[in-house]
Amino acid sequence: MEARYVKSVYTIEELPRSPLVEIAVAGKSNVGKSSLINRLTNRRQLAKISRTPGKTRCLNFFLIEPEKSREFHLVDLPGYGYARVSKSMRDDWAKLLNSYLADPQRPAGMIALFDARREAVDEDVDWLLWLAVWGRPYVVVLTKCDKLSRTEQAKSLAGWRRAMGENILRMPGGDPIFFSTVTGEGKDRLWQWIDDVRQAKRVVTGR
């Protein structure tokens, strides 16, 4: 598999004009989005990892070329929650994200990341509700699961199921996926979800 950085987008006018399927990755600023992208693509430095939460301040596009299927774009979205930035910059992010996600052609699906060690707070629940209303495929991924015992993982899963409420019954991705960038747990299952979304998109659009 080949993977490379394409571009960073700061305004809706800068979005690449491409027929490729797009899969977006979203989550809090410190949830491990860059680490997940790197582990998923087997590229240690594809997405830059910073010690300071909130460094992703734009939409970062990566071209992914699997060996046996068509290429697609993986899109790293700005994190929410802990970024130490001005209100005006957060407003700019919100405007960019809303414009991007309002386009019915992009993205085809969303990977929503949450820290497996944390309980859902109000803003997490808001994200979950928005995903349910969004009407397109999404999957909840619980990161850093290697830091939990199996008993703690079971407790975490039960908590996130409660936070998702009745939406879990119609969640396109099924149960949340535990993911570890250390052990690789969850990688194969997440790739299967990505492939399913891409295939469904091609069936609908013919791309």
C-alpha atoms as a PDB file:
ATOM      1  CA  MET A   1       0.000   0.000   0.000  1.00  0.00           C
ATOM      2  CA  GLU A   2       1.146   3.503  -0.826  1.00  0.00           C
ATOM      3  CA  ALA A   3       0.156   6.605   1.149  1.00  0.00           C
ATOM      4  CA  ARG A   4       1.196  10.233   0.786  1.00  0.00           C
ATOM      5  CA  TYR A   5       0.249  13.696   1.951  1.00  0.00           C
ATOM      6  CA  VAL A   6      -1.668  15.715  -0.669  1.00  0.00           C
ATOM      7  CA  LYS A   7      -2.530  19.122   0.769  1.00  0.00           C
ATOM      8  CA  SER A   8      -3.828  21.142   3.706  1.00  0.00           C
ATOM      9  CA  VAL A   9      -7.096  23.025   3.236  1.00  0.00           C
ATOM     10  CA  TYR A  10      -7.903  26.173   5.218  1.00  0.00           C
ATOM     11  CA  THR A  11     -10.887  27.440   3.215  1.00  0.00           C
ATOM     12  CA  ILE A  12     -13.700  25.685   1.399  1.00  0.00           C
ATOM     13  CA  GLU A  13     -12.420  27.125  -1.893  1.00  0.00           C
ATOM     14  CA  GLU A  14      -9.192  25.142  -1.477  1.00  0.00           C
ATOM     15  CA  LEU A  15     -10.881  21.737  -1.381  1.00  0.00           C
ATOM     16  CA  PRO A  16      -9.415  19.419  -4.037  1.00  0.00           C
ATOM     17  CA  ARG A  17     -11.618  18.750  -7.034  1.00  0.00           C
ATOM     18  CA  SER A  18     -11.477  14.989  -7.236  1.00  0.00           C
ATOM     19  CA  PRO A  19     -13.832  12.077  -7.920  1.00  0.00           C
ATOM     20  CA  LEU A  20     -12.086   9.971  -5.263  1.00  0.00           C
ATOM     21  CA  VAL A  21     -14.000   8.675  -2.266  1.00  0.00           C
ATOM     22  CA  GLU A  22     -13.179  10.560   0.946  1.00  0.00           C
ATOM     23  CA  ILE A  23     -13.127   9.058   4.446  1.00  0.00           C
ATOM     24  CA  ALA A  24     -12.844  11.610   7.259  1.00  0.00           C
ATOM     25  CA  VAL A  25     -11.183  11.107  10.654  1.00  0.00           C
ATOM     26  CA  ALA A  26     -12.522  13.238  13.531  1.00  0.00           C
ATOM     27  CA  GLY A  27     -12.075  13.454  17.276  1.00  0.00           C
ATOM     28  CA  LYS A  28     -10.778  15.507  20.174  1.00  0.00           C
ATOM     29  CA  SER A  29      -7.438  17.220  19.861  1.00  0.00           C
ATOM     30  CA  ASN A  30      -5.614  14.656  22.020  1.00  0.00           C
ATOM     31  CA  VAL A  31      -7.380  11.455  21.000  1.00  0.00           C
ATOM     32  CA  GLY A  32      -4.626  10.168  18.701  1.00  0.00           C
ATOM     33  CA  LYS A  33      -5.890  10.918  15.171  1.00  0.00           C
ATOM     34  CA  SER A  34      -2.414  11.263  13.668  1.00  0.00           C
ATOM     35  CA  SER A  35      -1.166   8.097  15.365  1.00  0.00           C
ATOM     36  CA  LEU A  36      -4.181   6.152  14.092  1.00  0.00           C
ATOM     37  CA  ILE A  37      -3.656   7.366  10.524  1.00  0.00           C
ATOM     38  CA  ASN A  38       0.004   6.384  10.671  1.00  0.00           C
ATOM     39  CA  ARG A  39      -0.751   2.935  12.075  1.00  0.00           C
ATOM     40  CA  LEU A  40      -3.570   2.369   9.617  1.00  0.00           C
ATOM     41  CA  THR A  41      -1.319   3.164   6.641  1.00  0.00           C
ATOM     42  CA  ASN A  42       1.905   1.681   8.029  1.00  0.00           C
ATOM     43  CA  ARG A  43       3.621   5.065   7.682  1.00  0.00           C
ATOM     44  CA  ARG A  44       5.270   6.383  10.831  1.00  0.00           C
ATOM     45  CA  GLN A  45       5.352  10.032   9.815  1.00  0.00           C
ATOM     46  CA  LEU A  46       2.546  10.389   7.271  1.00  0.00           C
ATOM     47  CA  ALA A  47       0.471  12.472   9.692  1.00  0.00           C
ATOM     48  CA  LYS A  48       2.569  14.729  11.914  1.00  0.00           C
ATOM     49  CA  ILE A  49       2.289  13.971  15.629  1.00  0.00           C
ATOM     50  CA  SER A  50       2.570  16.911  18.004  1.00  0.00           C
ATOM     51  CA  ARG A  51       2.907  17.025  21.783  1.00  0.00           C
ATOM     52  CA  THR A  52       0.635  20.069  21.777  1.00  0.00           C
ATOM     53  CA  PRO A  53      -3.078  19.222  21.318  1.00  0.00           C
ATOM     54  CA  GLY A  54      -4.869  21.166  18.610  1.00  0.00           C
ATOM     55  CA  LYS A  55      -2.074  21.432  16.038  1.00  0.00           C
ATOM     56  CA  THR A  56      -4.344  20.219  13.235  1.00  0.00           C
ATOM     57  CA  ARG A  57      -5.956  23.506  12.219  1.00  0.00           C
ATOM     58  CA  CYS A  58      -7.115  22.614   8.739  1.00  0.00           C
ATOM     59  CA  LEU A  59      -8.325  19.662   6.664  1.00  0.00           C
ATOM     60  CA  ASN A  60      -5.335  17.478   5.794  1.00  0.00           C
ATOM     61  CA  PHE A  61      -5.788  15.272   2.732  1.00  0.00           C
ATOM     62  CA  PHE A  62      -3.840  12.028   2.289  1.00  0.00           C
ATOM     63  CA  LEU A  63      -3.928   9.853  -0.828  1.00  0.00           C
ATOM     64  CA  ILE A  64      -4.187   6.156   0.053  1.00  0.00           C
ATOM     65  CA  GLU A  65      -3.459   3.575  -2.635  1.00  0.00           C
ATOM     66  CA  PRO A  66      -4.273   0.024  -1.458  1.00  0.00           C
ATOM     67  CA  GLU A  67      -2.645  -2.807  -3.368  1.00  0.00           C
ATOM     68  CA  LYS A  68      -5.852  -4.486  -4.568  1.00  0.00           C
ATOM     69  CA  SER A  69      -8.442  -1.702  -4.677  1.00  0.00           C
ATOM     70  CA  ARG A  70      -8.941   1.846  -5.891  1.00  0.00           C
ATOM     71  CA  GLU A  71      -7.220   4.816  -4.306  1.00  0.00           C
ATOM     72  CA  PHE A  72      -9.095   7.169  -1.992  1.00  0.00           C
ATOM     73  CA  HIS A  73      -8.565  10.204   0.229  1.00  0.00           C
ATOM     74  CA  LEU A  74      -8.245   9.994   4.008  1.00  0.00           C
ATOM     75  CA  VAL A  75      -9.079  13.400   5.501  1.00  0.00           C
ATOM     76  CA  ASP A  76      -7.796  14.452   8.920  1.00  0.00           C
ATOM     77  CA  LEU A  77     -10.222  16.986  10.432  1.00  0.00           C
ATOM     78  CA  PRO A  78      -9.335  19.606  13.094  1.00  0.00           C
ATOM     79  CA  GLY A  79      -9.701  18.276  16.615  1.00  0.00           C
ATOM     80  CA  TYR A  80     -12.218  19.665  19.057  1.00  0.00           C
ATOM     81  CA  GLY A  81     -12.185  20.189  22.815  1.00  0.00           C
ATOM     82  CA  TYR A  82      -8.710  21.105  24.028  1.00  0.00           C
ATOM     83  CA  ALA A  83      -7.107  23.312  21.392  1.00  0.00           C
ATOM     84  CA  ARG A  84      -5.667  26.493  22.916  1.00  0.00           C
ATOM     85  CA  VAL A  85      -6.710  28.877  20.181  1.00  0.00           C
ATOM     86  CA  SER A  86      -8.763  32.024  19.886  1.00  0.00           C
ATOM     87  CA  LYS A  87     -12.537  32.025  19.561  1.00  0.00           C
ATOM     88  CA  SER A  88     -12.242  33.515  16.071  1.00  0.00           C
ATOM     89  CA  MET A  89     -10.039  30.615  14.969  1.00  0.00           C
ATOM     90  CA  ARG A  90     -12.482  28.082  16.438  1.00  0.00           C
ATOM     91  CA  ASP A  91     -15.259  29.862  14.556  1.00  0.00           C
ATOM     92  CA  ASP A  92     -13.223  29.589  11.337  1.00  0.00           C
ATOM     93  CA  TRP A  93     -12.769  25.849  11.956  1.00  0.00           C
ATOM     94  CA  ALA A  94     -16.490  25.414  12.548  1.00  0.00           C
ATOM     95  CA  LYS A  95     -17.330  27.253   9.336  1.00  0.00           C
ATOM     96  CA  LEU A  96     -14.873  25.161   7.326  1.00  0.00           C
ATOM     97  CA  LEU A  97     -16.080  21.889   8.849  1.00  0.00           C
ATOM     98  CA  ASN A  98     -19.752  22.719   8.421  1.00  0.00           C
ATOM     99  CA  SER A  99     -19.205  23.624   4.758  1.00  0.00           C
ATOM    100  CA  TYR A 100     -17.208  20.465   4.133  1.00  0.00           C
ATOM    101  CA  LEU A 101     -19.609  18.115   5.894  1.00  0.00           C
ATOM    102  CA  ALA A 102     -22.678  19.781   4.369  1.00  0.00           C
ATOM    103  CA  ASP A 103     -21.590  18.628   0.907  1.00  0.00           C
ATOM    104  CA  PRO A 104     -23.587  15.418   0.195  1.00  0.00           C
ATOM    105  CA  GLN A 105     -20.709  14.061  -1.911  1.00  0.00           C
ATOM    106  CA  ARG A 106     -18.013  14.409   0.747  1.00  0.00           C
ATOM    107  CA  PRO A 107     -17.063  12.654   2.848  1.00  0.00           C
ATOM    108  CA  ALA A 108     -18.486   9.195   2.162  1.00  0.00           C
ATOM    109  CA  GLY A 109     -18.017   8.169   5.786  1.00  0.00           C
ATOM    110  CA  MET A 110     -16.679   9.296   9.139  1.00  0.00           C
ATOM    111  CA  ILE A 111     -14.320   7.621  11.597  1.00  0.00           C
ATOM    112  CA  ALA A 112     -15.193   9.159  14.981  1.00  0.00           C
ATOM    113  CA  LEU A 113     -12.418   8.742  17.552  1.00  0.00           C
ATOM    114  CA  PHE A 114     -12.848   8.750  21.331  1.00  0.00           C
ATOM    115  CA  ASP A 115     -10.423   7.848  24.129  1.00  0.00           C
ATOM    116  CA  ALA A 116     -11.371   4.427  25.495  1.00  0.00           C
ATOM    117  CA  ARG A 117     -10.143   5.484  28.952  1.00  0.00           C
ATOM    118  CA  ARG A 118     -12.562   8.419  29.244  1.00  0.00           C
ATOM    119  CA  GLU A 119     -16.290   8.573  29.859  1.00  0.00           C
ATOM    120  CA  ALA A 120     -18.423  10.455  27.346  1.00  0.00           C
ATOM    121  CA  VAL A 121     -19.007  14.110  28.235  1.00  0.00           C
ATOM    122  CA  ASP A 122     -21.637  16.459  26.820  1.00  0.00           C
ATOM    123  CA  GLU A 123     -19.633  17.509  23.757  1.00  0.00           C
ATOM    124  CA  ASP A 124     -18.971  13.845  22.932  1.00  0.00           C
ATOM    125  CA  VAL A 125     -22.684  13.090  23.144  1.00  0.00           C
ATOM    126  CA  ASP A 126     -23.340  16.093  20.889  1.00  0.00           C
ATOM    127  CA  TRP A 127     -20.953  14.589  18.324  1.00  0.00           C
ATOM    128  CA  LEU A 128     -22.712  11.228  18.557  1.00  0.00           C
ATOM    129  CA  LEU A 129     -26.113  12.832  18.075  1.00  0.00           C
ATOM    130  CA  TRP A 130     -24.827  14.810  15.103  1.00  0.00           C
ATOM    131  CA  LEU A 131     -23.405  11.648  13.541  1.00  0.00           C
ATOM    132  CA  ALA A 132     -26.772   9.933  13.875  1.00  0.00           C
ATOM    133  CA  VAL A 133     -28.542  12.876  12.219  1.00  0.00           C
ATOM    134  CA  TRP A 134     -25.856  13.203   9.528  1.00  0.00           C
ATOM    135  CA  GLY A 135     -27.319  10.201   7.718  1.00  0.00           C
ATOM    136  CA  ARG A 136     -24.119   8.774   6.267  1.00  0.00           C
ATOM    137  CA  PRO A 137     -21.939   5.868   7.404  1.00  0.00           C
ATOM    138  CA  TYR A 138     -19.838   6.383  10.505  1.00  0.00           C
ATOM    139  CA  VAL A 139     -18.006   4.209  12.984  1.00  0.00           C
ATOM    140  CA  VAL A 140     -16.989   4.927  16.570  1.00  0.00           C
ATOM    141  CA  VAL A 141     -13.372   4.013  17.339  1.00  0.00           C
ATOM    142  CA  LEU A 142     -12.125   3.856  20.933  1.00  0.00           C
ATOM    143  CA  THR A 143      -8.401   4.608  20.953  1.00  0.00           C
ATOM    144  CA  LYS A 144      -5.597   3.758  23.408  1.00  0.00           C
ATOM    145  CA  CYS A 145      -7.292   0.502  24.375  1.00  0.00           C
ATOM    146  CA  ASP A 146      -3.915  -1.108  25.117  1.00  0.00           C
ATOM    147  CA  LYS A 147      -3.860   0.956  28.313  1.00  0.00           C
ATOM    148  CA  LEU A 148      -6.938  -0.899  29.596  1.00  0.00           C
ATOM    149  CA  SER A 149      -7.369  -4.427  30.911  1.00  0.00           C
ATOM    150  CA  ARG A 150     -10.039  -6.619  29.326  1.00  0.00           C
ATOM    151  CA  THR A 151     -12.287  -5.933  32.294  1.00  0.00           C
ATOM    152  CA  GLU A 152     -11.769  -2.188  31.881  1.00  0.00           C
ATOM    153  CA  GLN A 153     -12.432  -2.481  28.139  1.00  0.00           C
ATOM    154  CA  ALA A 154     -15.762  -4.184  28.844  1.00  0.00           C
ATOM    155  CA  LYS A 155     -16.687  -1.364  31.234  1.00  0.00           C
ATOM    156  CA  SER A 156     -15.636   1.260  28.666  1.00  0.00           C
ATOM    157  CA  LEU A 157     -17.671  -0.408  25.922  1.00  0.00           C
ATOM    158  CA  ALA A 158     -20.766  -0.516  28.123  1.00  0.00           C
ATOM    159  CA  GLY A 159     -20.366   3.175  28.920  1.00  0.00           C
ATOM    160  CA  TRP A 160     -20.025   4.233  25.306  1.00  0.00           C
ATOM    161  CA  ARG A 161     -22.989   2.071  24.347  1.00  0.00           C
ATOM    162  CA  ARG A 162     -25.051   3.955  26.929  1.00  0.00           C
ATOM    163  CA  ALA A 163     -23.808   7.289  25.588  1.00  0.00           C
ATOM    164  CA  MET A 164     -24.844   6.263  22.072  1.00  0.00           C
ATOM    165  CA  GLY A 165     -28.264   5.186  23.319  1.00  0.00           C
ATOM    166  CA  GLU A 166     -30.713   3.895  20.744  1.00  0.00           C
ATOM    167  CA  ASN A 167     -28.433   5.067  17.937  1.00  0.00           C
ATOM    168  CA  ILE A 168     -26.308   1.957  18.403  1.00  0.00           C
ATOM    169  CA  LEU A 169     -29.189  -0.088  17.002  1.00  0.00           C
ATOM    170  CA  ARG A 170     -28.877   1.629  13.631  1.00  0.00           C
ATOM    171  CA  MET A 171     -25.221   2.565  13.744  1.00  0.00           C
ATOM    172  CA  PRO A 172     -23.716   1.853  10.314  1.00  0.00           C
ATOM    173  CA  GLY A 173     -20.425   0.686  11.801  1.00  0.00           C
ATOM    174  CA  GLY A 174     -21.896  -1.669  14.380  1.00  0.00           C
ATOM    175  CA  ASP A 175     -20.305  -1.838  17.828  1.00  0.00           C
ATOM    176  CA  PRO A 176     -17.469   0.594  18.593  1.00  0.00           C
ATOM    177  CA  ILE A 177     -14.025  -0.620  17.540  1.00  0.00           C
ATOM    178  CA  PHE A 178     -11.246  -0.781  20.124  1.00  0.00           C
ATOM    179  CA  PHE A 179      -8.030   0.449  18.499  1.00  0.00           C
ATOM    180  CA  SER A 180      -4.409   0.447  19.629  1.00  0.00           C
ATOM    181  CA  THR A 181      -1.580   2.107  17.725  1.00  0.00           C
ATOM    182  CA  VAL A 182       0.819   0.048  19.878  1.00  0.00           C
ATOM    183  CA  THR A 183      -0.529  -3.467  19.288  1.00  0.00           C
ATOM    184  CA  GLY A 184      -2.511  -2.908  16.095  1.00  0.00           C
ATOM    185  CA  GLU A 185      -5.730  -4.150  17.699  1.00  0.00           C
ATOM    186  CA  GLY A 186      -8.739  -3.040  15.677  1.00  0.00           C
ATOM    187  CA  LYS A 187      -6.768  -2.235  12.528  1.00  0.00           C
ATOM    188  CA  ASP A 188      -8.164  -5.055  10.386  1.00  0.00           C
ATOM    189  CA  ARG A 189     -11.735  -4.394  11.506  1.00  0.00           C
ATOM    190  CA  LEU A 190     -11.410  -0.660  10.752  1.00  0.00           C
ATOM    191  CA  TRP A 191      -9.985  -1.395   7.302  1.00  0.00           C
ATOM    192  CA  GLN A 192     -12.942  -3.700   6.628  1.00  0.00           C
ATOM    193  CA  TRP A 193     -15.327  -0.873   7.540  1.00  0.00           C
ATOM    194  CA  ILE A 194     -13.470   1.527   5.233  1.00  0.00           C
ATOM    195  CA  ASP A 195     -13.603  -0.973   2.364  1.00  0.00           C
ATOM    196  CA  ASP A 196     -17.340  -1.532   2.906  1.00  0.00           C
ATOM    197  CA  VAL A 197     -18.048   2.215   2.812  1.00  0.00           C
ATOM    198  CA  ARG A 198     -15.944   2.706  -0.309  1.00  0.00           C
ATOM    199  CA  GLN A 199     -17.682  -0.188  -2.064  1.00  0.00           C
ATOM    200  CA  ALA A 200     -21.123   1.147  -1.143  1.00  0.00           C
ATOM    201  CA  LYS A 201     -20.169   4.591  -2.425  1.00  0.00           C
ATOM    202  CA  ARG A 202     -18.997   3.162  -5.741  1.00  0.00           C
ATOM    203  CA  VAL A 203     -22.239   1.220  -6.148  1.00  0.00           C
ATOM    204  CA  VAL A 204     -24.265   4.412  -5.618  1.00  0.00           C
ATOM    205  CA  THR A 205     -22.154   6.779  -7.731  1.00  0.00           C
ATOM    206  CA  GLY A 206     -20.490   4.394 -10.153  1.00  0.00           C
ATOM    207  CA  ARG A 207     -17.043   5.758  -9.198  1.00  0.00           C
END
